[in-house]
Protein backbone atom coordinates (compact mmCIF):
# COMPACT_ATOMS: atom_id res chain seq x y z
CA UNK A 1 2.44 204.48 -52.76
CA UNK A 2 4.06 203.05 -55.68
CA UNK A 3 6.02 199.43 -54.61
CA UNK A 4 5.27 197.22 -51.45
CA UNK A 5 3.16 198.12 -48.89
CA UNK A 6 4.16 198.94 -45.45
CA UNK A 7 4.20 195.60 -42.88
CA UNK A 8 3.04 196.33 -39.45
CA UNK A 9 2.58 193.67 -36.05
CA UNK A 10 -0.11 194.68 -33.93
CA UNK A 11 0.65 193.74 -30.43
CA UNK A 12 -1.75 194.34 -27.78
CA UNK A 13 -3.03 191.75 -25.37
CA UNK A 14 -6.23 192.91 -25.91
CA UNK A 15 -8.37 191.48 -28.72
CA UNK A 16 -10.27 194.38 -29.37
CA UNK A 17 -7.11 196.98 -29.62
CA UNK A 18 -5.66 194.75 -32.24
CA UNK A 19 -8.95 194.50 -33.85
CA UNK A 20 -9.53 198.87 -33.56
CA UNK A 21 -6.08 199.28 -35.38
CA UNK A 22 -5.86 196.86 -37.99
CA UNK A 23 -9.25 198.36 -39.01
CA UNK A 24 -8.16 201.82 -39.31
CA UNK A 25 -5.10 200.24 -40.97
CA UNK A 26 -7.19 198.83 -43.42
CA UNK A 27 -8.03 202.24 -44.50
CA UNK A 28 -4.78 203.07 -46.12
CA UNK A 29 -3.72 201.28 -49.57
CA UNK A 30 -0.09 201.71 -48.41
CA UNK A 31 -0.33 199.71 -45.04
CA UNK A 32 -0.82 196.01 -44.58
CA UNK A 33 -1.40 194.14 -41.29
CA UNK A 34 1.61 191.30 -41.50
CA UNK A 35 0.10 189.85 -38.76
CA UNK A 36 -1.04 190.51 -34.90
CA UNK A 37 0.28 189.06 -31.02
CA UNK A 38 -1.62 189.16 -27.53
CA UNK A 39 1.82 188.48 -25.75
CA UNK A 40 5.75 189.36 -25.76
CA UNK A 41 6.46 185.63 -26.92
CA UNK A 42 3.98 185.95 -29.72
CA UNK A 43 5.21 189.24 -30.70
CA UNK A 44 9.13 188.10 -30.78
CA UNK A 45 7.95 185.05 -32.87
CA UNK A 46 5.89 186.72 -34.87
CA UNK A 47 8.44 189.31 -35.36
CA UNK A 48 11.11 187.13 -36.51
CA UNK A 49 9.13 185.37 -38.74
CA UNK A 50 7.54 188.21 -40.71
CA UNK A 51 10.20 190.95 -40.61
CA UNK A 52 7.14 193.69 -40.33
CA UNK A 53 8.29 197.04 -41.33
CA UNK A 54 6.34 198.70 -38.37
CA UNK A 55 5.17 197.56 -35.17
CA UNK A 56 2.73 199.01 -33.17
CA UNK A 57 2.83 197.86 -29.60
CA UNK A 58 1.11 198.39 -26.15
CA UNK A 59 3.59 199.74 -23.67
CA UNK A 60 1.65 198.07 -20.87
CA UNK A 61 1.75 194.34 -22.07
CA UNK A 62 1.93 191.76 -19.53
CA UNK A 63 6.08 190.28 -19.11
CA UNK A 64 6.45 186.90 -19.44
CA UNK A 65 9.33 185.36 -16.94
CA UNK A 66 12.12 185.73 -19.45
CA UNK A 67 11.18 187.97 -21.86
CA UNK A 68 9.82 192.05 -21.61
CA UNK A 69 7.54 193.12 -23.71
CA UNK A 70 9.28 196.02 -24.80
CA UNK A 71 12.85 194.04 -24.91
CA UNK A 72 11.08 191.61 -28.02
CA UNK A 73 11.05 194.54 -30.25
CA UNK A 74 13.64 197.10 -29.15
CA UNK A 75 16.43 194.36 -29.96
CA UNK A 76 15.96 194.27 -33.28
CA UNK A 77 16.58 198.25 -34.19
CA UNK A 78 15.73 197.89 -37.82
CA UNK A 79 12.17 198.16 -37.00
CA UNK A 80 10.19 201.27 -36.70
CA UNK A 81 7.79 200.78 -33.38
CA UNK A 82 4.95 202.79 -32.41
CA UNK A 83 4.74 202.57 -28.58
CA UNK A 84 0.48 202.44 -27.42
CA UNK A 85 -0.60 202.66 -23.97
CA UNK A 86 -3.29 203.40 -21.95
CA UNK A 87 -1.29 204.50 -19.08
CA UNK A 88 -1.21 207.33 -17.62
CA UNK A 89 2.18 209.49 -18.79
CA UNK A 90 4.98 209.20 -18.03
CA UNK A 91 4.72 206.07 -18.24
CA UNK A 92 7.01 203.77 -16.21
CA UNK A 93 9.58 201.19 -18.54
């Protein structure tokens, strides 16, 4: 790839999942993990601070009192989002 790498924000409440995705993404020279978040509040803060190109996010992420985990990112339509979940399909959201 010529040009800057694709920046990714990893969002999952399980550190081992974030680490696994991070290791996989490190295999590509075109991708860099810009940051990680363990909950919706952190995801929103890091999203606003880092402006990643892509967010890889667990759909089953626990919500905080005022923040839906999905709304954290979807309120910002400029970012591509890959949603992940270990829940059975169809996921409820």
